[in-house]
Amino acid sequence: MDRMAMGLSGLCLAHCVASAVFVAFLASAGGILVDHRIHETGLLLAIALGAVALGRGIWSHGFMMPSAVGALGLGVMAGALTMPHDSAEVVFTIVGVLIVALGHDLNRRAEI
């Protein structure tokens, strides 16, 4: 589960970078990629996958830190959704994604 969640984080990161590039160069394609429904759906998927994977980690190894780190990243990602579409939103989303990925990596390593 953690590897799958880390993969989702990587896809989110690629989406954020691609969206910024497309918005800068192709306004018509950028409109589709920056639609809030895509971001809201991705965040809901990240929250669901994070709850299962990180919650399962607490159950199996008993460490809370990976879940706390993952929750912080999800919070940063959710906060980015409240921002206007500009470079600050992209930066906050990318930072949030990287923090979530770190939480999943810590969770995966704690189970080894």
Protein backbone atom coordinates (compact mmCIF):
# COMPACT_ATOMS: atom_id res chain seq x y z
CA MET A 1 0.00 0.00 0.00
CA ASP A 2 2.77 2.46 0.88
CA ARG A 3 4.53 1.83 -2.43
CA MET A 4 1.27 2.41 -4.27
CA ALA A 5 0.72 5.63 -2.29
CA MET A 6 4.27 6.76 -3.07
CA GLY A 7 3.55 6.07 -6.74
CA LEU A 8 0.39 8.18 -6.50
CA SER A 9 2.49 10.95 -4.93
CA GLY A 10 4.86 10.73 -7.89
CA LEU A 11 1.95 10.97 -10.33
CA CYS A 12 0.64 13.99 -8.45
CA LEU A 13 4.06 15.61 -8.62
CA ALA A 14 4.26 14.95 -12.36
CA HIS A 15 0.74 16.36 -12.79
CA CYS A 16 1.66 19.56 -10.90
CA VAL A 17 4.80 20.15 -12.92
CA ALA A 18 3.09 19.30 -16.22
CA SER A 19 0.17 21.59 -15.37
CA ALA A 20 2.50 24.50 -14.67
CA VAL A 21 4.33 23.93 -17.95
CA PHE A 22 1.12 23.54 -19.97
CA VAL A 23 -0.45 26.61 -18.40
CA ALA A 24 2.62 28.61 -19.28
CA PHE A 25 2.72 27.43 -22.92
CA LEU A 26 -0.71 26.13 -23.90
CA ALA A 27 -3.58 28.01 -22.31
CA SER A 28 -6.30 25.76 -23.79
CA ALA A 29 -4.76 22.50 -22.53
CA GLY A 30 -3.84 24.10 -19.23
CA GLY A 31 -7.49 24.85 -18.51
CA ILE A 32 -8.29 21.13 -18.39
CA LEU A 33 -5.31 20.23 -16.21
CA VAL A 34 -5.92 22.90 -13.57
CA ASP A 35 -9.62 22.11 -13.13
CA HIS A 36 -10.39 22.00 -9.40
CA ARG A 37 -12.31 18.72 -9.78
CA ILE A 38 -9.09 16.95 -10.77
CA HIS A 39 -7.31 18.34 -7.71
CA GLU A 40 -10.20 17.58 -5.36
CA THR A 41 -10.50 14.02 -6.66
CA GLY A 42 -6.75 13.50 -6.34
CA LEU A 43 -6.77 14.82 -2.78
CA LEU A 44 -9.68 12.56 -1.83
CA LEU A 45 -7.85 9.58 -3.32
CA ALA A 46 -4.66 10.55 -1.46
CA ILE A 47 -6.57 10.90 1.83
CA ALA A 48 -8.28 7.52 1.40
CA LEU A 49 -5.09 5.71 0.41
CA GLY A 50 -3.14 7.50 3.14
CA ALA A 51 -5.69 6.58 5.80
CA VAL A 52 -5.55 2.91 4.84
CA ALA A 53 -1.79 2.60 4.34
CA LEU A 54 -0.64 4.81 7.19
CA GLY A 55 -3.36 3.53 9.53
CA ARG A 56 -2.35 -0.04 8.76
CA GLY A 57 1.23 0.93 9.58
CA ILE A 58 0.24 2.17 13.04
CA TRP A 59 -1.57 -1.12 13.58
CA SER A 60 1.37 -3.28 12.48
CA HIS A 61 4.42 -1.44 13.85
CA GLY A 62 2.90 0.94 16.39
CA PHE A 63 4.78 4.09 15.32
CA MET A 64 2.71 7.27 14.97
CA MET A 65 5.37 9.46 13.34
CA PRO A 66 4.91 8.20 9.73
CA SER A 67 1.17 8.89 9.96
CA ALA A 68 1.75 12.32 11.48
CA VAL A 69 4.17 13.22 8.68
CA GLY A 70 1.71 11.94 6.07
CA ALA A 71 -1.17 13.87 7.66
CA LEU A 72 0.93 17.05 7.62
CA GLY A 73 1.57 16.58 3.90
CA LEU A 74 -2.13 15.99 3.22
CA GLY A 75 -2.92 19.15 5.15
CA VAL A 76 -0.46 21.15 3.07
CA MET A 77 -2.02 19.70 -0.09
CA ALA A 78 -5.53 20.58 1.14
CA GLY A 79 -4.37 24.08 1.99
CA ALA A 80 -3.00 24.49 -1.52
CA LEU A 81 -6.51 23.86 -2.89
CA THR A 82 -7.69 27.05 -1.19
CA MET A 83 -5.10 29.16 -2.99
CA PRO A 84 -5.56 30.86 -6.37
CA HIS A 85 -4.03 29.07 -9.37
CA ASP A 86 -0.53 30.50 -9.46
CA SER A 87 3.02 29.45 -8.73
CA ALA A 88 2.45 29.50 -4.94
CA GLU A 89 -0.27 26.85 -5.27
CA VAL A 90 2.04 24.66 -7.33
CA VAL A 91 4.86 25.04 -4.79
CA PHE A 92 2.60 24.22 -1.82
CA THR A 93 1.12 21.22 -3.63
CA ILE A 94 4.55 19.86 -4.53
CA VAL A 95 5.83 20.36 -0.97
CA GLY A 96 2.72 18.60 0.37
CA VAL A 97 3.15 15.69 -2.05
CA LEU A 98 6.79 15.28 -1.06
CA ILE A 99 5.87 15.30 2.65
CA VAL A 100 3.17 12.66 2.07
CA ALA A 101 5.65 10.53 0.13
CA LEU A 102 8.12 10.87 3.02
CA GLY A 103 5.44 9.70 5.45
CA HIS A 104 4.76 6.63 3.31
CA ASP A 105 8.48 5.91 2.99
CA LEU A 106 8.91 6.17 6.78
CA ASN A 107 5.92 3.87 7.21
CA ARG A 108 7.35 1.33 4.78
CA ARG A 109 10.75 1.38 6.47
CA ALA A 110 9.23 0.98 9.94
CA GLU A 111 7.59 -2.29 8.85
CA ILE A 112 10.87 -3.82 7.66
